[in-house]
Amino acid sequence: MTTERDTCDDLLLDNQACFALHSTSLMMTKVYKPLLQALGLTYPQYLAMMVLWEKDGLTVGEISTRLLTDPGSLTPLLKRLEGEGLLSRTRSREDERVVIVELTAQGRALREQAKSVPQCILGASGFTLERLQNLQSELQALRSHLQDSLTG
């Protein structure tokens, strides 16, 4: 039997997984901010650069798929990175609707400067590497399950 108190507890903000994820994401972004300012990047720009550091020469569509974002919202971000000399965008010769994004020498060099960021985040988390990796694994499983529930 569900009581009125049980129903109210279900609606407490701190009992919501979505708020735990959202508020943690906000805090994580705040921790990243000074580290990324030193690199001249915003957090969304850093994510895009990480995708390209992982595999250069991707299309805007491939980057947006990897980041789970809309290509239209990614384009202004990529234009800013191009304006800063970190990447180039060129139209595909086969299909001019497709834009290929490639790192410049400056963009590749920035990767070296960014190598200390993950260790700083680990330190700020107060977690061991193993515990943080386990959390990442759990969150990836949750994301995958949520994606499946939306598509099927």
N, C-alpha and C. Protein backbone atom coordinates (compact mmCIF):
# COMPACT_ATOMS: atom_id res chain seq x y z
N MET A 1 0.84 -1.18 0.00
CA MET A 1 0.00 0.00 0.00
C MET A 1 0.89 1.25 0.00
N THR A 2 0.63 2.16 -0.91
CA THR A 2 1.39 3.40 -1.02
C THR A 2 0.75 4.46 -0.15
N THR A 3 1.55 5.06 0.68
CA THR A 3 1.04 6.14 1.54
C THR A 3 1.31 7.48 0.87
N GLU A 4 0.66 8.53 1.40
CA GLU A 4 0.88 9.88 0.87
C GLU A 4 2.35 10.27 1.04
N ARG A 5 2.96 9.87 2.16
CA ARG A 5 4.36 10.21 2.42
C ARG A 5 5.27 9.54 1.38
N ASP A 6 5.00 8.26 1.03
CA ASP A 6 5.81 7.58 0.03
C ASP A 6 5.73 8.31 -1.31
N THR A 7 4.55 8.73 -1.68
CA THR A 7 4.37 9.44 -2.94
C THR A 7 5.13 10.76 -2.94
N CYS A 8 5.07 11.48 -1.83
CA CYS A 8 5.80 12.74 -1.73
C CYS A 8 7.31 12.51 -1.78
N ASP A 9 7.80 11.45 -1.13
CA ASP A 9 9.23 11.16 -1.16
C ASP A 9 9.70 10.87 -2.59
N ASP A 10 8.83 10.28 -3.41
CA ASP A 10 9.17 10.01 -4.80
C ASP A 10 9.43 11.30 -5.57
N LEU A 11 8.87 12.39 -5.10
CA LEU A 11 9.00 13.66 -5.81
C LEU A 11 10.00 14.62 -5.16
N LEU A 12 10.73 14.16 -4.17
CA LEU A 12 11.77 15.01 -3.60
C LEU A 12 12.91 15.15 -4.60
N LEU A 13 13.39 16.36 -4.75
CA LEU A 13 14.45 16.64 -5.73
C LEU A 13 15.67 15.75 -5.50
N ASP A 14 16.10 15.63 -4.26
CA ASP A 14 17.30 14.83 -3.98
C ASP A 14 17.10 13.34 -4.17
N ASN A 15 15.88 12.90 -4.40
CA ASN A 15 15.61 11.48 -4.68
C ASN A 15 15.55 11.19 -6.18
N GLN A 16 15.85 12.18 -6.99
CA GLN A 16 15.75 12.02 -8.44
C GLN A 16 17.13 11.72 -9.05
N ALA A 17 17.22 10.63 -9.78
CA ALA A 17 18.48 10.31 -10.46
C ALA A 17 18.84 11.41 -11.45
N CYS A 18 17.83 11.97 -12.11
CA CYS A 18 18.11 13.01 -13.10
C CYS A 18 18.77 14.22 -12.46
N PHE A 19 18.35 14.58 -11.24
CA PHE A 19 18.96 15.74 -10.58
C PHE A 19 20.37 15.41 -10.11
N ALA A 20 20.58 14.21 -9.65
CA ALA A 20 21.94 13.81 -9.24
C ALA A 20 22.88 13.90 -10.44
N LEU A 21 22.43 13.45 -11.60
CA LEU A 21 23.25 13.52 -12.81
C LEU A 21 23.45 14.97 -13.25
N HIS A 22 22.37 15.74 -13.25
CA HIS A 22 22.42 17.13 -13.69
C HIS A 22 23.32 17.97 -12.79
N SER A 23 23.13 17.87 -11.49
CA SER A 23 23.91 18.69 -10.56
C SER A 23 25.38 18.27 -10.57
N THR A 24 25.65 16.99 -10.73
CA THR A 24 27.04 16.52 -10.83
C THR A 24 27.68 17.03 -12.11
N SER A 25 26.92 17.03 -13.19
CA SER A 25 27.42 17.56 -14.45
C SER A 25 27.77 19.04 -14.32
N LEU A 26 26.92 19.80 -13.65
CA LEU A 26 27.21 21.22 -13.43
C LEU A 26 28.49 21.40 -12.63
N MET A 27 28.65 20.61 -11.57
CA MET A 27 29.86 20.72 -10.75
C MET A 27 31.10 20.30 -11.55
N MET A 28 30.97 19.26 -12.33
CA MET A 28 32.09 18.78 -13.14
C MET A 28 32.52 19.87 -14.12
N THR A 29 31.56 20.53 -14.74
CA THR A 29 31.87 21.60 -15.68
C THR A 29 32.59 22.75 -14.98
N LYS A 30 32.20 23.05 -13.74
CA LYS A 30 32.87 24.11 -12.97
C LYS A 30 34.31 23.73 -12.65
N VAL A 31 34.55 22.46 -12.39
CA VAL A 31 35.92 22.01 -12.11
C VAL A 31 36.77 22.10 -13.39
N TYR A 32 36.18 21.77 -14.51
CA TYR A 32 36.89 21.84 -15.78
C TYR A 32 37.21 23.27 -16.21
N LYS A 33 36.36 24.21 -15.86
CA LYS A 33 36.44 25.56 -16.41
C LYS A 33 37.83 26.20 -16.32
N PRO A 34 38.46 26.28 -15.15
CA PRO A 34 39.79 26.93 -15.12
C PRO A 34 40.86 26.14 -15.88
N LEU A 35 40.73 24.82 -15.89
CA LEU A 35 41.69 23.99 -16.62
C LEU A 35 41.58 24.26 -18.12
N LEU A 36 40.36 24.40 -18.59
CA LEU A 36 40.14 24.61 -20.02
C LEU A 36 40.40 26.06 -20.42
N GLN A 37 40.16 26.99 -19.50
CA GLN A 37 40.49 28.39 -19.80
C GLN A 37 41.97 28.53 -20.10
N ALA A 38 42.79 27.78 -19.39
CA ALA A 38 44.24 27.81 -19.64
C ALA A 38 44.57 27.31 -21.05
N LEU A 39 43.69 26.50 -21.61
CA LEU A 39 43.88 25.99 -22.97
C LEU A 39 43.17 26.86 -24.01
N GLY A 40 42.37 27.81 -23.53
CA GLY A 40 41.61 28.66 -24.43
C GLY A 40 40.36 27.99 -24.98
N LEU A 41 39.83 27.00 -24.25
CA LEU A 41 38.66 26.25 -24.71
C LEU A 41 37.51 26.34 -23.72
N THR A 42 36.31 26.25 -24.25
CA THR A 42 35.14 26.04 -23.41
C THR A 42 34.96 24.53 -23.27
N TYR A 43 34.08 24.12 -22.37
CA TYR A 43 33.85 22.68 -22.19
C TYR A 43 33.32 22.03 -23.48
N PRO A 44 32.30 22.60 -24.15
CA PRO A 44 31.85 21.97 -25.40
C PRO A 44 32.95 21.92 -26.47
N GLN A 45 33.79 22.95 -26.53
CA GLN A 45 34.89 22.93 -27.49
C GLN A 45 35.89 21.83 -27.14
N TYR A 46 36.15 21.64 -25.86
CA TYR A 46 37.05 20.59 -25.40
C TYR A 46 36.52 19.21 -25.83
N LEU A 47 35.23 19.00 -25.68
CA LEU A 47 34.64 17.72 -26.09
C LEU A 47 34.84 17.49 -27.58
N ALA A 48 34.60 18.52 -28.39
CA ALA A 48 34.79 18.39 -29.84
C ALA A 48 36.26 18.12 -30.17
N MET A 49 37.16 18.81 -29.48
CA MET A 49 38.58 18.58 -29.73
C MET A 49 38.98 17.16 -29.33
N MET A 50 38.44 16.65 -28.23
CA MET A 50 38.76 15.28 -27.83
C MET A 50 38.33 14.28 -28.89
N VAL A 51 37.16 14.52 -29.51
CA VAL A 51 36.70 13.63 -30.58
C VAL A 51 37.71 13.64 -31.72
N LEU A 52 38.19 14.83 -32.07
CA LEU A 52 39.14 14.94 -33.18
C LEU A 52 40.54 14.43 -32.79
N TRP A 53 40.92 14.57 -31.54
CA TRP A 53 42.21 14.01 -31.10
C TRP A 53 42.16 12.49 -31.16
N GLU A 54 40.97 11.94 -30.95
CA GLU A 54 40.78 10.49 -31.01
C GLU A 54 40.84 10.00 -32.46
N LYS A 55 40.17 10.77 -33.35
CA LYS A 55 40.16 10.40 -34.78
C LYS A 55 39.96 11.67 -35.59
N ASP A 56 40.98 12.05 -36.30
CA ASP A 56 40.96 13.27 -37.11
C ASP A 56 40.26 13.01 -38.44
N GLY A 57 39.79 14.09 -39.07
CA GLY A 57 39.21 13.97 -40.40
C GLY A 57 37.77 13.47 -40.41
N LEU A 58 37.03 13.74 -39.37
CA LEU A 58 35.63 13.32 -39.30
C LEU A 58 34.72 14.35 -39.94
N THR A 59 33.53 13.93 -40.29
CA THR A 59 32.53 14.87 -40.78
C THR A 59 31.83 15.52 -39.59
N VAL A 60 31.18 16.64 -39.85
CA VAL A 60 30.40 17.29 -38.79
C VAL A 60 29.36 16.31 -38.24
N GLY A 61 28.74 15.55 -39.12
CA GLY A 61 27.74 14.57 -38.69
C GLY A 61 28.32 13.50 -37.78
N GLU A 62 29.52 13.04 -38.10
CA GLU A 62 30.17 12.03 -37.26
C GLU A 62 30.52 12.59 -35.89
N ILE A 63 30.98 13.82 -35.86
CA ILE A 63 31.31 14.45 -34.58
C ILE A 63 30.04 14.64 -33.75
N SER A 64 28.97 15.11 -34.40
CA SER A 64 27.72 15.33 -33.66
C SER A 64 27.15 14.01 -33.14
N THR A 65 27.28 12.94 -33.90
CA THR A 65 26.82 11.63 -33.44
C THR A 65 27.62 11.19 -32.22
N ARG A 66 28.93 11.38 -32.29
CA ARG A 66 29.80 10.99 -31.16
C ARG A 66 29.49 11.77 -29.91
N LEU A 67 29.13 13.06 -30.07
CA LEU A 67 28.83 13.92 -28.93
C LEU A 67 27.35 13.92 -28.55
N LEU A 68 26.55 13.15 -29.26
CA LEU A 68 25.10 13.09 -29.01
C LEU A 68 24.46 14.47 -29.08
N THR A 69 24.85 15.23 -30.10
CA THR A 69 24.31 16.57 -30.27
C THR A 69 23.82 16.78 -31.69
N ASP A 70 23.16 17.87 -31.91
CA ASP A 70 22.63 18.22 -33.23
C ASP A 70 23.73 18.87 -34.07
N PRO A 71 23.88 18.46 -35.34
CA PRO A 71 24.92 19.07 -36.17
C PRO A 71 24.77 20.60 -36.28
N GLY A 72 23.55 21.09 -36.29
CA GLY A 72 23.32 22.53 -36.39
C GLY A 72 23.87 23.31 -35.21
N SER A 73 23.81 22.72 -34.03
CA SER A 73 24.35 23.40 -32.86
C SER A 73 25.87 23.25 -32.77
N LEU A 74 26.41 22.28 -33.46
CA LEU A 74 27.85 22.04 -33.46
C LEU A 74 28.58 22.99 -34.42
N THR A 75 27.94 23.38 -35.49
CA THR A 75 28.58 24.20 -36.51
C THR A 75 29.15 25.51 -35.97
N PRO A 76 28.40 26.30 -35.17
CA PRO A 76 29.00 27.54 -34.65
C PRO A 76 30.22 27.29 -33.77
N LEU A 77 30.19 26.23 -33.01
CA LEU A 77 31.32 25.86 -32.15
C LEU A 77 32.54 25.53 -33.01
N LEU A 78 32.34 24.77 -34.07
CA LEU A 78 33.44 24.41 -34.96
C LEU A 78 33.98 25.64 -35.69
N LYS A 79 33.09 26.56 -36.05
CA LYS A 79 33.53 27.81 -36.70
C LYS A 79 34.44 28.60 -35.77
N ARG A 80 34.10 28.66 -34.48
CA ARG A 80 34.94 29.37 -33.52
C ARG A 80 36.31 28.70 -33.39
N LEU A 81 36.31 27.37 -33.34
CA LEU A 81 37.59 26.65 -33.25
C LEU A 81 38.41 26.85 -34.52
N GLU A 82 37.75 26.94 -35.65
CA GLU A 82 38.45 27.20 -36.90
C GLU A 82 39.03 28.62 -36.88
N GLY A 83 38.26 29.57 -36.37
CA GLY A 83 38.73 30.95 -36.26
C GLY A 83 39.93 31.09 -35.35
N GLU A 84 40.06 30.19 -34.40
CA GLU A 84 41.20 30.20 -33.48
C GLU A 84 42.38 29.40 -34.03
N GLY A 85 42.21 28.85 -35.22
CA GLY A 85 43.31 28.15 -35.87
C GLY A 85 43.53 26.73 -35.42
N LEU A 86 42.53 26.14 -34.75
CA LEU A 86 42.70 24.79 -34.21
C LEU A 86 42.24 23.69 -35.17
N LEU A 87 41.40 24.05 -36.12
CA LEU A 87 40.91 23.06 -37.08
C LEU A 87 40.55 23.75 -38.38
N SER A 88 40.34 22.94 -39.40
CA SER A 88 39.85 23.45 -40.69
C SER A 88 38.61 22.66 -41.07
N ARG A 89 37.72 23.33 -41.78
CA ARG A 89 36.49 22.69 -42.27
C ARG A 89 36.48 22.83 -43.78
N THR A 90 36.31 21.70 -44.46
CA THR A 90 36.24 21.73 -45.92
C THR A 90 35.06 20.88 -46.39
N ARG A 91 34.49 21.30 -47.47
CA ARG A 91 33.37 20.54 -48.05
C ARG A 91 33.91 19.32 -48.79
N SER A 92 33.20 18.22 -48.67
CA SER A 92 33.58 17.00 -49.36
C SER A 92 33.46 17.21 -50.87
N ARG A 93 34.39 16.65 -51.62
CA ARG A 93 34.33 16.74 -53.09
C ARG A 93 33.21 15.87 -53.64
N GLU A 94 32.91 14.77 -52.93
CA GLU A 94 31.86 13.86 -53.39
C GLU A 94 30.46 14.40 -53.11
N ASP A 95 30.31 15.09 -51.99
CA ASP A 95 28.99 15.61 -51.59
C ASP A 95 29.21 16.92 -50.84
N GLU A 96 28.91 18.03 -51.49
CA GLU A 96 29.21 19.34 -50.90
C GLU A 96 28.40 19.65 -49.65
N ARG A 97 27.39 18.84 -49.36
CA ARG A 97 26.64 19.02 -48.10
C ARG A 97 27.42 18.51 -46.90
N VAL A 98 28.41 17.68 -47.16
CA VAL A 98 29.21 17.07 -46.09
C VAL A 98 30.45 17.92 -45.83
N VAL A 99 30.63 18.28 -44.56
CA VAL A 99 31.79 19.08 -44.16
C VAL A 99 32.75 18.20 -43.37
N ILE A 100 34.00 18.19 -43.81
CA ILE A 100 35.04 17.39 -43.15
C ILE A 100 35.85 18.31 -42.25
N VAL A 101 36.08 17.86 -41.03
CA VAL A 101 36.79 18.65 -40.03
C VAL A 101 38.14 17.99 -39.74
N GLU A 102 39.20 18.78 -39.87
CA GLU A 102 40.54 18.27 -39.62
C GLU A 102 41.29 19.21 -38.69
N LEU A 103 42.11 18.64 -37.82
CA LEU A 103 42.94 19.42 -36.92
C LEU A 103 44.05 20.10 -37.70
N THR A 104 44.41 21.28 -37.25
CA THR A 104 45.60 21.95 -37.77
C THR A 104 46.78 21.52 -36.88
N ALA A 105 47.97 21.95 -37.25
CA ALA A 105 49.14 21.66 -36.41
C ALA A 105 48.94 22.24 -35.02
N GLN A 106 48.35 23.42 -34.95
CA GLN A 106 48.07 24.06 -33.65
C GLN A 106 47.07 23.23 -32.84
N GLY A 107 46.06 22.68 -33.51
CA GLY A 107 45.07 21.84 -32.84
C GLY A 107 45.66 20.54 -32.32
N ARG A 108 46.57 19.96 -33.10
CA ARG A 108 47.24 18.75 -32.66
C ARG A 108 48.17 19.04 -31.48
N ALA A 109 48.86 20.19 -31.52
CA ALA A 109 49.77 20.58 -30.44
C ALA A 109 49.01 20.82 -29.13
N LEU A 110 47.78 21.31 -29.24
CA LEU A 110 46.98 21.57 -28.04
C LEU A 110 46.72 20.29 -27.26
N ARG A 111 46.68 19.17 -27.97
CA ARG A 111 46.47 17.87 -27.31
C ARG A 111 47.54 17.63 -26.24
N GLU A 112 48.76 17.97 -26.53
CA GLU A 112 49.85 17.79 -25.56
C GLU A 112 49.60 18.63 -24.31
N GLN A 113 49.14 19.85 -24.51
CA GLN A 113 48.86 20.74 -23.38
C GLN A 113 47.70 20.21 -22.54
N ALA A 114 46.77 19.52 -23.18
CA ALA A 114 45.57 19.04 -22.50
C ALA A 114 45.78 17.74 -21.74
N LYS A 115 46.92 17.11 -21.91
CA LYS A 115 47.14 15.79 -21.30
C LYS A 115 47.03 15.78 -19.78
N SER A 116 47.24 16.92 -19.14
CA SER A 116 47.18 16.97 -17.67
C SER A 116 45.74 17.09 -17.15
N VAL A 117 44.80 17.42 -18.01
CA VAL A 117 43.42 17.66 -17.57
C VAL A 117 42.79 16.43 -16.90
N PRO A 118 42.84 15.24 -17.49
CA PRO A 118 42.20 14.09 -16.83
C PRO A 118 42.75 13.81 -15.43
N GLN A 119 44.05 13.98 -15.25
CA GLN A 119 44.64 13.73 -13.93
C GLN A 119 44.15 14.76 -12.92
N CYS A 120 43.99 16.00 -13.35
CA CYS A 120 43.45 17.05 -12.48
C CYS A 120 42.01 16.74 -12.08
N ILE A 121 41.24 16.23 -13.01
CA ILE A 121 39.84 15.88 -12.74
C ILE A 121 39.79 14.71 -11.76
N LEU A 122 40.64 13.73 -11.96
CA LEU A 122 40.71 12.60 -11.03
C LEU A 122 41.02 13.11 -9.63
N GLY A 123 41.98 13.99 -9.50
CA GLY A 123 42.32 14.54 -8.19
C GLY A 123 41.17 15.30 -7.57
N ALA A 124 40.47 16.09 -8.36
CA ALA A 124 39.35 16.87 -7.84
C ALA A 124 38.18 15.97 -7.43
N SER A 125 38.06 14.81 -8.07
CA SER A 125 36.94 13.92 -7.77
C SER A 125 37.05 13.29 -6.39
N GLY A 126 38.27 13.12 -5.91
CA GLY A 126 38.48 12.43 -4.64
C GLY A 126 38.31 10.92 -4.76
N PHE A 127 38.13 10.44 -5.98
CA PHE A 127 37.96 9.01 -6.23
C PHE A 127 39.30 8.40 -6.62
N THR A 128 39.40 7.09 -6.44
CA THR A 128 40.53 6.37 -7.02
C THR A 128 40.24 6.23 -8.51
N LEU A 129 41.27 5.93 -9.29
CA LEU A 129 41.08 5.73 -10.72
C LEU A 129 40.08 4.59 -10.96
N GLU A 130 40.21 3.52 -10.20
CA GLU A 130 39.31 2.37 -10.37
C GLU A 130 37.85 2.76 -10.09
N ARG A 131 37.64 3.51 -9.03
CA ARG A 131 36.28 3.92 -8.68
C ARG A 131 35.69 4.84 -9.75
N LEU A 132 36.50 5.76 -10.26
CA LEU A 132 36.02 6.65 -11.31
C LEU A 132 35.72 5.87 -12.59
N GLN A 133 36.56 4.90 -12.93
CA GLN A 133 36.31 4.07 -14.11
C GLN A 133 35.04 3.24 -13.94
N ASN A 134 34.79 2.73 -12.74
CA ASN A 134 33.55 1.99 -12.48
C ASN A 134 32.33 2.90 -12.64
N LEU A 135 32.43 4.13 -12.14
CA LEU A 135 31.33 5.09 -12.30
C LEU A 135 31.09 5.38 -13.78
N GLN A 136 32.15 5.61 -14.53
CA GLN A 136 32.01 5.86 -15.97
C GLN A 136 31.32 4.68 -16.65
N SER A 137 31.71 3.49 -16.29
CA SER A 137 31.12 2.29 -16.88
C SER A 137 29.63 2.22 -16.57
N GLU A 138 29.27 2.49 -15.34
CA GLU A 138 27.84 2.48 -14.95
C GLU A 138 27.06 3.56 -15.69
N LEU A 139 27.63 4.74 -15.82
CA LEU A 139 26.94 5.82 -16.52
C LEU A 139 26.80 5.51 -18.01
N GLN A 140 27.81 4.90 -18.60
CA GLN A 140 27.72 4.50 -20.00
C GLN A 140 26.64 3.44 -20.20
N ALA A 141 26.52 2.52 -19.27
CA ALA A 141 25.47 1.50 -19.34
C ALA A 141 24.10 2.15 -19.21
N LEU A 142 23.97 3.11 -18.29
CA LEU A 142 22.70 3.82 -18.14
C LEU A 142 22.36 4.58 -19.40
N ARG A 143 23.33 5.29 -19.97
CA ARG A 143 23.10 6.04 -21.22
C ARG A 143 22.66 5.10 -22.33
N SER A 144 23.32 3.98 -22.45
CA SER A 144 22.98 3.00 -23.49
C SER A 144 21.56 2.48 -23.31
N HIS A 145 21.21 2.17 -22.06
CA HIS A 145 19.87 1.66 -21.80
C HIS A 145 18.82 2.74 -22.11
N LEU A 146 19.09 3.96 -21.76
CA LEU A 146 18.15 5.06 -22.04
C LEU A 146 18.01 5.26 -23.54
N GLN A 147 19.12 5.19 -24.28
CA GLN A 147 19.06 5.30 -25.74
C GLN A 147 18.20 4.20 -26.33
N ASP A 148 18.39 2.98 -25.82
CA ASP A 148 17.59 1.84 -26.31
C ASP A 148 16.11 2.05 -26.03
N SER A 149 15.79 2.60 -24.85
CA SER A 149 14.38 2.80 -24.50
C SER A 149 13.75 3.88 -25.37
N LEU A 150 14.56 4.83 -25.86
CA LEU A 150 14.03 5.88 -26.73
C LEU A 150 13.82 5.39 -28.16
N THR A 151 14.63 4.43 -28.59
CA THR A 151 14.56 3.98 -29.99
C THR A 151 13.75 2.70 -30.15
N GLY A 152 13.47 2.03 -29.06
CA GLY A 152 12.79 0.76 -29.23
C GLY A 152 11.70 0.66 -28.29
